[in-house]
Amino acid sequence: MKPKNSPERKKAFIRFVIFYLISTALIITAIFFGLQVPFKENKQLQSQLDVVYKERDFDRKLFNLMSETRKMLDTVNSAGTKTEVVEGRINQNILQMDAMLNKDSIAGKKIYSELVLIFNDAKNDKKLIRAASDKDATVKIKDQEIKELKQNLEGWRAAYDKQQIQLMQLQNKQ
């Protein structure tokens, strides 16, 4: 005994299975993408965090070099320092900062480059100040030598005038 509506039952069953599979596939797909998105977002955020850490380390290293260079610039013209050694270390730090800036691609590269140029200008200015202070000392020494020479010249003139007077007296006696 066969049911009379067997083809209709078969169609209804096939439709049920198709809709069941489609709805199950949609749910599985939603779950799959729901799990994949956080993993991708996590990777993206991790890479951004790595960039931030890298920039922070770069900033820390560069600021340490800048601080050390600034301290050396402050002491390069003080008495009792070996200016050649300190100036060599300043040059080395400036070159190191410049190499760091050229090697890395960071956000504030232009600002940091300007700071390195300012340090270089400050170093050159300190050198000019040393040269000018040496000139002042040289000028003082030369002024002192000029005074001594003028005094000697006055002494020699007085002696010459005495000799002239004596010569005239001798000529008048004869």
N, C-alpha and C. Protein backbone atom coordinates (compact mmCIF):
# COMPACT_ATOMS: atom_id res chain seq x y z
N MET A 1 0.79 -1.15 0.00
CA MET A 1 0.00 0.00 0.00
C MET A 1 0.87 1.26 0.00
N LYS A 2 0.65 1.96 -1.01
CA LYS A 2 1.39 3.19 -1.22
C LYS A 2 0.51 4.38 -0.92
N PRO A 3 1.12 5.40 -0.31
CA PRO A 3 0.30 6.58 -0.08
C PRO A 3 0.02 7.29 -1.39
N LYS A 4 -1.08 7.96 -1.44
CA LYS A 4 -1.48 8.62 -2.66
C LYS A 4 -0.67 9.90 -2.93
N ASN A 5 -0.19 10.54 -1.92
CA ASN A 5 0.54 11.80 -2.12
C ASN A 5 2.06 11.60 -1.99
N SER A 6 2.51 10.50 -2.41
CA SER A 6 3.93 10.17 -2.34
C SER A 6 4.81 11.14 -3.12
N PRO A 7 4.47 11.58 -4.32
CA PRO A 7 5.34 12.56 -5.01
C PRO A 7 5.38 13.90 -4.25
N GLU A 8 4.28 14.30 -3.68
CA GLU A 8 4.26 15.57 -2.94
C GLU A 8 5.09 15.47 -1.67
N ARG A 9 5.02 14.31 -1.03
CA ARG A 9 5.83 14.10 0.16
C ARG A 9 7.31 14.12 -0.19
N LYS A 10 7.64 13.50 -1.30
CA LYS A 10 9.03 13.44 -1.75
C LYS A 10 9.53 14.86 -2.03
N LYS A 11 8.72 15.70 -2.74
CA LYS A 11 9.10 17.08 -3.03
C LYS A 11 9.28 17.87 -1.74
N ALA A 12 8.39 17.70 -0.81
CA ALA A 12 8.45 18.42 0.45
C ALA A 12 9.70 18.01 1.24
N PHE A 13 10.00 16.71 1.23
CA PHE A 13 11.19 16.23 1.92
C PHE A 13 12.46 16.79 1.28
N ILE A 14 12.52 16.79 -0.04
CA ILE A 14 13.70 17.32 -0.75
C ILE A 14 13.85 18.81 -0.45
N ARG A 15 12.74 19.56 -0.46
CA ARG A 15 12.80 20.99 -0.12
C ARG A 15 13.30 21.19 1.31
N PHE A 16 12.81 20.37 2.22
CA PHE A 16 13.25 20.46 3.60
C PHE A 16 14.75 20.22 3.71
N VAL A 17 15.23 19.17 3.04
CA VAL A 17 16.67 18.85 3.10
C VAL A 17 17.48 19.99 2.49
N ILE A 18 17.04 20.55 1.36
CA ILE A 18 17.76 21.65 0.71
C ILE A 18 17.82 22.87 1.64
N PHE A 19 16.68 23.26 2.20
CA PHE A 19 16.65 24.43 3.10
C PHE A 19 17.46 24.16 4.37
N TYR A 20 17.41 22.92 4.84
CA TYR A 20 18.20 22.55 6.02
C TYR A 20 19.69 22.70 5.72
N LEU A 21 20.11 22.18 4.57
CA LEU A 21 21.53 22.27 4.19
C LEU A 21 21.95 23.73 3.99
N ILE A 22 21.09 24.52 3.33
CA ILE A 22 21.42 25.93 3.10
C ILE A 22 21.53 26.68 4.43
N SER A 23 20.59 26.48 5.31
CA SER A 23 20.62 27.19 6.59
C SER A 23 21.81 26.71 7.44
N THR A 24 22.10 25.42 7.40
CA THR A 24 23.26 24.90 8.12
C THR A 24 24.55 25.46 7.54
N ALA A 25 24.63 25.55 6.20
CA ALA A 25 25.82 26.11 5.55
C ALA A 25 25.98 27.59 5.91
N LEU A 26 24.88 28.33 5.96
CA LEU A 26 24.95 29.73 6.35
C LEU A 26 25.45 29.89 7.78
N ILE A 27 24.95 29.07 8.67
CA ILE A 27 25.37 29.14 10.07
C ILE A 27 26.85 28.79 10.20
N ILE A 28 27.28 27.74 9.53
CA ILE A 28 28.69 27.32 9.58
C ILE A 28 29.59 28.40 8.98
N THR A 29 29.14 28.99 7.85
CA THR A 29 29.93 30.06 7.22
C THR A 29 30.02 31.27 8.15
N ALA A 30 28.94 31.64 8.78
CA ALA A 30 28.95 32.77 9.70
C ALA A 30 29.88 32.50 10.88
N ILE A 31 29.84 31.30 11.40
CA ILE A 31 30.73 30.94 12.51
C ILE A 31 32.19 30.97 12.05
N PHE A 32 32.46 30.44 10.86
CA PHE A 32 33.83 30.41 10.32
C PHE A 32 34.38 31.83 10.18
N PHE A 33 33.62 32.72 9.53
CA PHE A 33 34.09 34.09 9.35
C PHE A 33 34.11 34.85 10.67
N GLY A 34 33.19 34.51 11.55
CA GLY A 34 33.19 35.14 12.87
C GLY A 34 34.44 34.80 13.65
N LEU A 35 34.99 33.62 13.43
CA LEU A 35 36.23 33.24 14.10
C LEU A 35 37.46 33.75 13.35
N GLN A 36 37.41 33.83 12.03
CA GLN A 36 38.56 34.27 11.24
C GLN A 36 38.83 35.76 11.38
N VAL A 37 37.79 36.57 11.45
CA VAL A 37 37.97 38.02 11.53
C VAL A 37 38.77 38.42 12.77
N PRO A 38 38.46 37.90 13.95
CA PRO A 38 39.28 38.29 15.11
C PRO A 38 40.75 37.87 14.97
N PHE A 39 41.01 36.72 14.35
CA PHE A 39 42.39 36.30 14.17
C PHE A 39 43.13 37.25 13.24
N LYS A 40 42.49 37.63 12.14
CA LYS A 40 43.12 38.57 11.21
C LYS A 40 43.30 39.94 11.87
N GLU A 41 42.29 40.36 12.60
CA GLU A 41 42.38 41.64 13.29
C GLU A 41 43.48 41.60 14.34
N ASN A 42 43.61 40.47 15.01
CA ASN A 42 44.66 40.30 16.00
C ASN A 42 46.04 40.41 15.35
N LYS A 43 46.22 39.78 14.20
CA LYS A 43 47.49 39.87 13.47
C LYS A 43 47.79 41.30 13.06
N GLN A 44 46.76 42.00 12.58
CA GLN A 44 46.94 43.39 12.15
C GLN A 44 47.30 44.28 13.34
N LEU A 45 46.58 44.10 14.44
CA LEU A 45 46.88 44.90 15.63
C LEU A 45 48.26 44.57 16.19
N GLN A 46 48.66 43.31 16.10
CA GLN A 46 49.98 42.91 16.57
C GLN A 46 51.07 43.57 15.73
N SER A 47 50.86 43.63 14.41
CA SER A 47 51.86 44.28 13.54
C SER A 47 51.91 45.78 13.82
N GLN A 48 50.77 46.41 14.09
CA GLN A 48 50.77 47.83 14.44
C GLN A 48 51.46 48.06 15.78
N LEU A 49 51.26 47.16 16.71
CA LEU A 49 51.91 47.25 18.00
C LEU A 49 53.42 47.09 17.86
N ASP A 50 53.85 46.19 16.98
CA ASP A 50 55.28 46.03 16.73
C ASP A 50 55.89 47.30 16.16
N VAL A 51 55.15 47.98 15.27
CA VAL A 51 55.63 49.25 14.70
C VAL A 51 55.76 50.30 15.81
N VAL A 52 54.78 50.35 16.70
CA VAL A 52 54.82 51.32 17.80
C VAL A 52 56.00 51.02 18.72
N TYR A 53 56.23 49.74 19.03
CA TYR A 53 57.38 49.37 19.86
C TYR A 53 58.69 49.74 19.19
N LYS A 54 58.77 49.49 17.89
CA LYS A 54 59.97 49.81 17.14
C LYS A 54 60.24 51.32 17.16
N GLU A 55 59.20 52.11 16.95
CA GLU A 55 59.36 53.57 16.98
C GLU A 55 59.73 54.05 18.38
N ARG A 56 59.14 53.43 19.40
CA ARG A 56 59.46 53.82 20.77
C ARG A 56 60.93 53.51 21.09
N ASP A 57 61.41 52.34 20.66
CA ASP A 57 62.81 52.00 20.88
C ASP A 57 63.71 52.95 20.12
N PHE A 58 63.32 53.27 18.88
CA PHE A 58 64.10 54.22 18.08
C PHE A 58 64.16 55.58 18.77
N ASP A 59 63.00 56.05 19.25
CA ASP A 59 62.95 57.34 19.94
C ASP A 59 63.84 57.32 21.18
N ARG A 60 63.77 56.24 21.94
CA ARG A 60 64.57 56.14 23.16
C ARG A 60 66.05 56.19 22.84
N LYS A 61 66.49 55.42 21.83
CA LYS A 61 67.90 55.42 21.46
C LYS A 61 68.34 56.79 20.95
N LEU A 62 67.50 57.39 20.11
CA LEU A 62 67.85 58.69 19.54
C LEU A 62 67.89 59.77 20.63
N PHE A 63 66.93 59.75 21.54
CA PHE A 63 66.92 60.75 22.61
C PHE A 63 68.10 60.56 23.56
N ASN A 64 68.51 59.32 23.80
CA ASN A 64 69.70 59.09 24.62
C ASN A 64 70.93 59.68 23.93
N LEU A 65 71.06 59.44 22.62
CA LEU A 65 72.19 60.02 21.88
C LEU A 65 72.12 61.55 21.90
N MET A 66 70.92 62.10 21.73
CA MET A 66 70.77 63.55 21.74
C MET A 66 71.14 64.12 23.10
N SER A 67 70.71 63.47 24.15
CA SER A 67 71.01 63.95 25.51
C SER A 67 72.51 63.90 25.77
N GLU A 68 73.13 62.80 25.38
CA GLU A 68 74.58 62.67 25.56
C GLU A 68 75.32 63.73 24.75
N THR A 69 74.88 63.97 23.52
CA THR A 69 75.52 64.97 22.66
C THR A 69 75.33 66.37 23.25
N ARG A 70 74.15 66.65 23.75
CA ARG A 70 73.89 67.97 24.35
C ARG A 70 74.79 68.19 25.56
N LYS A 71 74.95 67.18 26.40
CA LYS A 71 75.83 67.30 27.56
C LYS A 71 77.27 67.54 27.14
N MET A 72 77.71 66.83 26.10
CA MET A 72 79.08 67.03 25.62
C MET A 72 79.25 68.43 25.02
N LEU A 73 78.22 68.91 24.32
CA LEU A 73 78.28 70.27 23.77
C LEU A 73 78.37 71.31 24.88
N ASP A 74 77.71 71.04 26.01
CA ASP A 74 77.76 71.96 27.13
C ASP A 74 79.14 72.00 27.78
N THR A 75 79.86 70.88 27.74
CA THR A 75 81.15 70.82 28.43
C THR A 75 82.35 70.99 27.50
N VAL A 76 82.15 71.08 26.20
CA VAL A 76 83.30 71.08 25.29
C VAL A 76 84.17 72.32 25.46
N ASN A 77 83.60 73.44 25.82
CA ASN A 77 84.39 74.67 25.96
C ASN A 77 84.79 74.97 27.40
N SER A 78 84.47 74.07 28.35
CA SER A 78 84.86 74.33 29.72
C SER A 78 86.35 74.05 29.90
N ALA A 79 86.88 74.70 30.93
CA ALA A 79 88.31 74.55 31.21
C ALA A 79 88.59 73.13 31.70
N GLY A 80 89.72 72.62 31.30
CA GLY A 80 90.14 71.30 31.76
C GLY A 80 89.63 70.14 30.93
N THR A 81 88.93 70.39 29.86
CA THR A 81 88.45 69.28 29.02
C THR A 81 89.35 69.15 27.81
N LYS A 82 89.45 67.94 27.33
CA LYS A 82 90.20 67.68 26.10
C LYS A 82 89.24 67.90 24.94
N THR A 83 89.33 69.09 24.36
CA THR A 83 88.33 69.49 23.36
C THR A 83 88.35 68.59 22.13
N GLU A 84 89.52 68.12 21.74
CA GLU A 84 89.59 67.26 20.55
C GLU A 84 88.86 65.95 20.77
N VAL A 85 89.02 65.37 21.96
CA VAL A 85 88.38 64.09 22.27
C VAL A 85 86.86 64.28 22.36
N VAL A 86 86.45 65.32 23.07
CA VAL A 86 85.01 65.57 23.23
C VAL A 86 84.39 65.89 21.87
N GLU A 87 85.07 66.70 21.07
CA GLU A 87 84.53 67.04 19.75
C GLU A 87 84.46 65.80 18.85
N GLY A 88 85.42 64.89 18.98
CA GLY A 88 85.37 63.64 18.23
C GLY A 88 84.16 62.79 18.62
N ARG A 89 83.88 62.74 19.92
CA ARG A 89 82.71 61.99 20.39
C ARG A 89 81.42 62.65 19.93
N ILE A 90 81.40 63.99 19.91
CA ILE A 90 80.22 64.70 19.42
C ILE A 90 80.00 64.37 17.95
N ASN A 91 81.08 64.41 17.16
CA ASN A 91 80.98 64.05 15.73
C ASN A 91 80.47 62.63 15.57
N GLN A 92 80.99 61.73 16.38
CA GLN A 92 80.58 60.33 16.30
C GLN A 92 79.09 60.18 16.62
N ASN A 93 78.61 60.87 17.64
CA ASN A 93 77.18 60.80 17.99
C ASN A 93 76.32 61.39 16.89
N ILE A 94 76.75 62.50 16.31
CA ILE A 94 75.97 63.12 15.23
C ILE A 94 75.90 62.18 14.03
N LEU A 95 77.02 61.54 13.70
CA LEU A 95 77.02 60.58 12.58
C LEU A 95 76.14 59.38 12.90
N GLN A 96 76.16 58.94 14.15
CA GLN A 96 75.31 57.81 14.56
C GLN A 96 73.83 58.17 14.43
N MET A 97 73.47 59.37 14.87
CA MET A 97 72.07 59.80 14.76
C MET A 97 71.66 59.90 13.29
N ASP A 98 72.53 60.44 12.47
CA ASP A 98 72.23 60.57 11.05
C ASP A 98 72.08 59.19 10.40
N ALA A 99 72.93 58.25 10.78
CA ALA A 99 72.83 56.89 10.23
C ALA A 99 71.53 56.22 10.69
N MET A 100 71.15 56.44 11.94
CA MET A 100 69.89 55.87 12.44
C MET A 100 68.70 56.42 11.65
N LEU A 101 68.74 57.72 11.36
CA LEU A 101 67.64 58.34 10.62
C LEU A 101 67.58 57.84 9.18
N ASN A 102 68.73 57.63 8.58
CA ASN A 102 68.75 57.14 7.20
C ASN A 102 68.35 55.68 7.10
N LYS A 103 68.63 54.91 8.15
CA LYS A 103 68.33 53.48 8.13
C LYS A 103 66.85 53.20 8.34
N ASP A 104 66.23 53.88 9.30
CA ASP A 104 64.84 53.61 9.65
C ASP A 104 63.89 54.55 8.92
N SER A 105 62.69 54.05 8.67
CA SER A 105 61.65 54.92 8.11
C SER A 105 60.61 55.13 9.21
N ILE A 106 60.72 56.28 9.86
CA ILE A 106 59.84 56.59 10.97
C ILE A 106 58.98 57.79 10.62
N ALA A 107 58.00 58.07 11.46
CA ALA A 107 57.03 59.12 11.15
C ALA A 107 57.65 60.51 11.25
N GLY A 108 58.44 60.79 12.27
CA GLY A 108 58.97 62.14 12.48
C GLY A 108 60.37 62.32 11.94
N LYS A 109 60.69 61.71 10.83
CA LYS A 109 62.05 61.73 10.30
C LYS A 109 62.52 63.15 9.99
N LYS A 110 61.65 63.99 9.47
CA LYS A 110 62.03 65.35 9.10
C LYS A 110 62.41 66.16 10.34
N ILE A 111 61.62 66.02 11.40
CA ILE A 111 61.90 66.75 12.63
C ILE A 111 63.24 66.29 13.22
N TYR A 112 63.45 64.98 13.26
CA TYR A 112 64.69 64.46 13.80
C TYR A 112 65.89 64.89 12.96
N SER A 113 65.73 64.94 11.65
CA SER A 113 66.81 65.40 10.78
C SER A 113 67.17 66.85 11.08
N GLU A 114 66.15 67.66 11.32
CA GLU A 114 66.40 69.07 11.67
C GLU A 114 67.13 69.17 13.01
N LEU A 115 66.78 68.31 13.96
CA LEU A 115 67.48 68.31 15.25
C LEU A 115 68.95 67.94 15.09
N VAL A 116 69.22 66.97 14.22
CA VAL A 116 70.61 66.58 13.97
C VAL A 116 71.37 67.75 13.35
N LEU A 117 70.74 68.46 12.43
CA LEU A 117 71.38 69.65 11.83
C LEU A 117 71.63 70.72 12.88
N ILE A 118 70.70 70.88 13.81
CA ILE A 118 70.89 71.86 14.88
C ILE A 118 72.08 71.48 15.76
N PHE A 119 72.20 70.19 16.08
CA PHE A 119 73.35 69.73 16.85
C PHE A 119 74.65 69.99 16.10
N ASN A 120 74.64 69.74 14.80
CA ASN A 120 75.84 69.97 14.00
C ASN A 120 76.19 71.46 13.98
N ASP A 121 75.18 72.31 13.84
CA ASP A 121 75.42 73.76 13.87
C ASP A 121 75.95 74.20 15.23
N ALA A 122 75.40 73.63 16.30
CA ALA A 122 75.86 73.97 17.65
C ALA A 122 77.31 73.57 17.84
N LYS A 123 77.68 72.42 17.30
CA LYS A 123 79.08 71.97 17.39
C LYS A 123 79.99 72.95 16.67
N ASN A 124 79.58 73.37 15.48
CA ASN A 124 80.39 74.33 14.71
C ASN A 124 80.46 75.67 15.42
N ASP A 125 79.36 76.09 16.04
CA ASP A 125 79.35 77.35 16.78
C ASP A 125 80.29 77.28 17.98
N LYS A 126 80.29 76.16 18.67
CA LYS A 126 81.20 75.99 19.81
C LYS A 126 82.66 76.08 19.34
N LYS A 127 82.94 75.51 18.17
CA LYS A 127 84.29 75.57 17.62
C LYS A 127 84.66 77.03 17.32
N LEU A 128 83.73 77.79 16.76
CA LEU A 128 83.99 79.21 16.48
C LEU A 128 84.19 80.00 17.77
N ILE A 129 83.44 79.66 18.80
CA ILE A 129 83.61 80.34 20.09
C ILE A 129 85.01 80.07 20.65
N ARG A 130 85.45 78.82 20.55
CA ARG A 130 86.81 78.49 21.02
C ARG A 130 87.84 79.26 20.22
N ALA A 131 87.66 79.32 18.91
CA ALA A 131 88.61 80.05 18.07
C ALA A 131 88.59 81.53 18.42
N ALA A 132 87.41 82.09 18.69
CA ALA A 132 87.32 83.51 19.04
C ALA A 132 87.96 83.78 20.39
N SER A 133 87.77 82.88 21.35
CA SER A 133 88.39 83.10 22.66
C SER A 133 89.91 82.97 22.54
N ASP A 134 90.39 82.10 21.68
CA ASP A 134 91.83 82.01 21.43
C ASP A 134 92.33 83.30 20.80
N LYS A 135 91.54 83.91 19.94
CA LYS A 135 91.93 85.17 19.31
C LYS A 135 92.00 86.28 20.35
N ASP A 136 91.06 86.28 21.29
CA ASP A 136 91.08 87.29 22.35
C ASP A 136 92.35 87.17 23.17
N ALA A 137 92.72 85.96 23.51
CA ALA A 137 93.95 85.75 24.28
C ALA A 137 95.16 86.18 23.46
N THR A 138 95.15 85.86 22.17
CA THR A 138 96.25 86.24 21.30
C THR A 138 96.33 87.76 21.19
N VAL A 139 95.19 88.42 21.07
CA VAL A 139 95.16 89.88 20.99
C VAL A 139 95.72 90.49 22.27
N LYS A 140 95.36 89.95 23.42
CA LYS A 140 95.89 90.45 24.69
C LYS A 140 97.41 90.30 24.74
N ILE A 141 97.88 89.15 24.33
CA ILE A 141 99.33 88.90 24.33
C ILE A 141 100.02 89.88 23.39
N LYS A 142 99.47 90.06 22.21
CA LYS A 142 100.09 90.97 21.23
C LYS A 142 100.03 92.42 21.73
N ASP A 143 98.93 92.82 22.39
CA ASP A 143 98.86 94.17 22.96
C ASP A 143 99.94 94.37 24.01
N GLN A 144 100.16 93.35 24.83
CA GLN A 144 101.21 93.42 25.85
C GLN A 144 102.58 93.54 25.19
N GLU A 145 102.80 92.77 24.13
CA GLU A 145 104.09 92.85 23.42
C GLU A 145 104.27 94.24 22.80
N ILE A 146 103.18 94.81 22.27
CA ILE A 146 103.26 96.15 21.68
C ILE A 146 103.63 97.17 22.76
N LYS A 147 103.02 97.07 23.94
CA LYS A 147 103.36 97.98 25.04
C LYS A 147 104.83 97.87 25.41
N GLU A 148 105.31 96.63 25.53
CA GLU A 148 106.72 96.42 25.88
C GLU A 148 107.64 96.99 24.81
N LEU A 149 107.28 96.77 23.56
CA LEU A 149 108.11 97.29 22.47
C LEU A 149 108.11 98.82 22.44
N LYS A 150 106.94 99.41 22.72
CA LYS A 150 106.87 100.88 22.78
C LYS A 150 107.73 101.41 23.91
N GLN A 151 107.69 100.73 25.07
CA GLN A 151 108.53 101.15 26.20
C GLN A 151 110.01 101.03 25.84
N ASN A 152 110.35 99.91 25.19
CA ASN A 152 111.74 99.73 24.75
C ASN A 152 112.13 100.82 23.76
N LEU A 153 111.21 101.13 22.84
CA LEU A 153 111.47 102.17 21.85
C LEU A 153 111.68 103.51 22.51
N GLU A 154 110.86 103.81 23.53
CA GLU A 154 111.02 105.07 24.26
C GLU A 154 112.39 105.09 24.95
N GLY A 155 112.75 103.98 25.54
CA GLY A 155 114.06 103.89 26.20
C GLY A 155 115.19 104.09 25.21
N TRP A 156 115.07 103.47 24.07
CA TRP A 156 116.12 103.60 23.05
C TRP A 156 116.15 105.03 22.49
N ARG A 157 114.99 105.65 22.35
CA ARG A 157 114.94 107.04 21.87
C ARG A 157 115.62 107.97 22.88
N ALA A 158 115.29 107.72 24.15
CA ALA A 158 115.94 108.56 25.20
C ALA A 158 117.45 108.37 25.15
N ALA A 159 117.89 107.13 25.00
CA ALA A 159 119.32 106.86 24.93
C ALA A 159 119.92 107.51 23.67
N TYR A 160 119.21 107.46 22.58
CA TYR A 160 119.66 108.06 21.32
C TYR A 160 119.76 109.58 21.47
N ASP A 161 118.73 110.15 22.09
CA ASP A 161 118.76 111.60 22.29
C ASP A 161 119.93 111.99 23.19
N LYS A 162 120.22 111.22 24.22
CA LYS A 162 121.36 111.47 25.10
C LYS A 162 122.66 111.42 24.31
N GLN A 163 122.76 110.40 23.47
CA GLN A 163 123.96 110.24 22.66
C GLN A 163 124.11 111.42 21.69
N GLN A 164 122.99 111.89 21.16
CA GLN A 164 123.01 113.03 20.24
C GLN A 164 123.50 114.28 20.98
N ILE A 165 122.98 114.48 22.18
CA ILE A 165 123.38 115.65 22.97
C ILE A 165 124.86 115.57 23.29
N GLN A 166 125.34 114.42 23.68
CA GLN A 166 126.74 114.25 24.01
C GLN A 166 127.61 114.48 22.78
N LEU A 167 127.13 114.01 21.66
CA LEU A 167 127.88 114.21 20.41
C LEU A 167 127.96 115.70 20.09
N MET A 168 126.89 116.42 20.25
CA MET A 168 126.86 117.86 19.97
C MET A 168 127.78 118.60 20.93
N GLN A 169 127.78 118.20 22.20
CA GLN A 169 128.65 118.83 23.19
C GLN A 169 130.12 118.58 22.84
N LEU A 170 130.40 117.39 22.40
CA LEU A 170 131.77 117.07 22.01
C LEU A 170 132.20 117.88 20.80
N GLN A 171 131.29 118.06 19.87
CA GLN A 171 131.62 118.81 18.67
C GLN A 171 131.77 120.30 19.00
N ASN A 172 131.03 120.80 19.94
CA ASN A 172 131.12 122.20 20.32
C ASN A 172 132.42 122.46 21.09
N LYS A 173 132.92 121.54 21.81
CA LYS A 173 134.16 121.67 22.57
C LYS A 173 135.35 121.67 21.63
N GLN A 174 135.32 121.15 20.57
CA GLN A 174 136.44 121.06 19.64
C GLN A 174 136.49 122.22 18.81
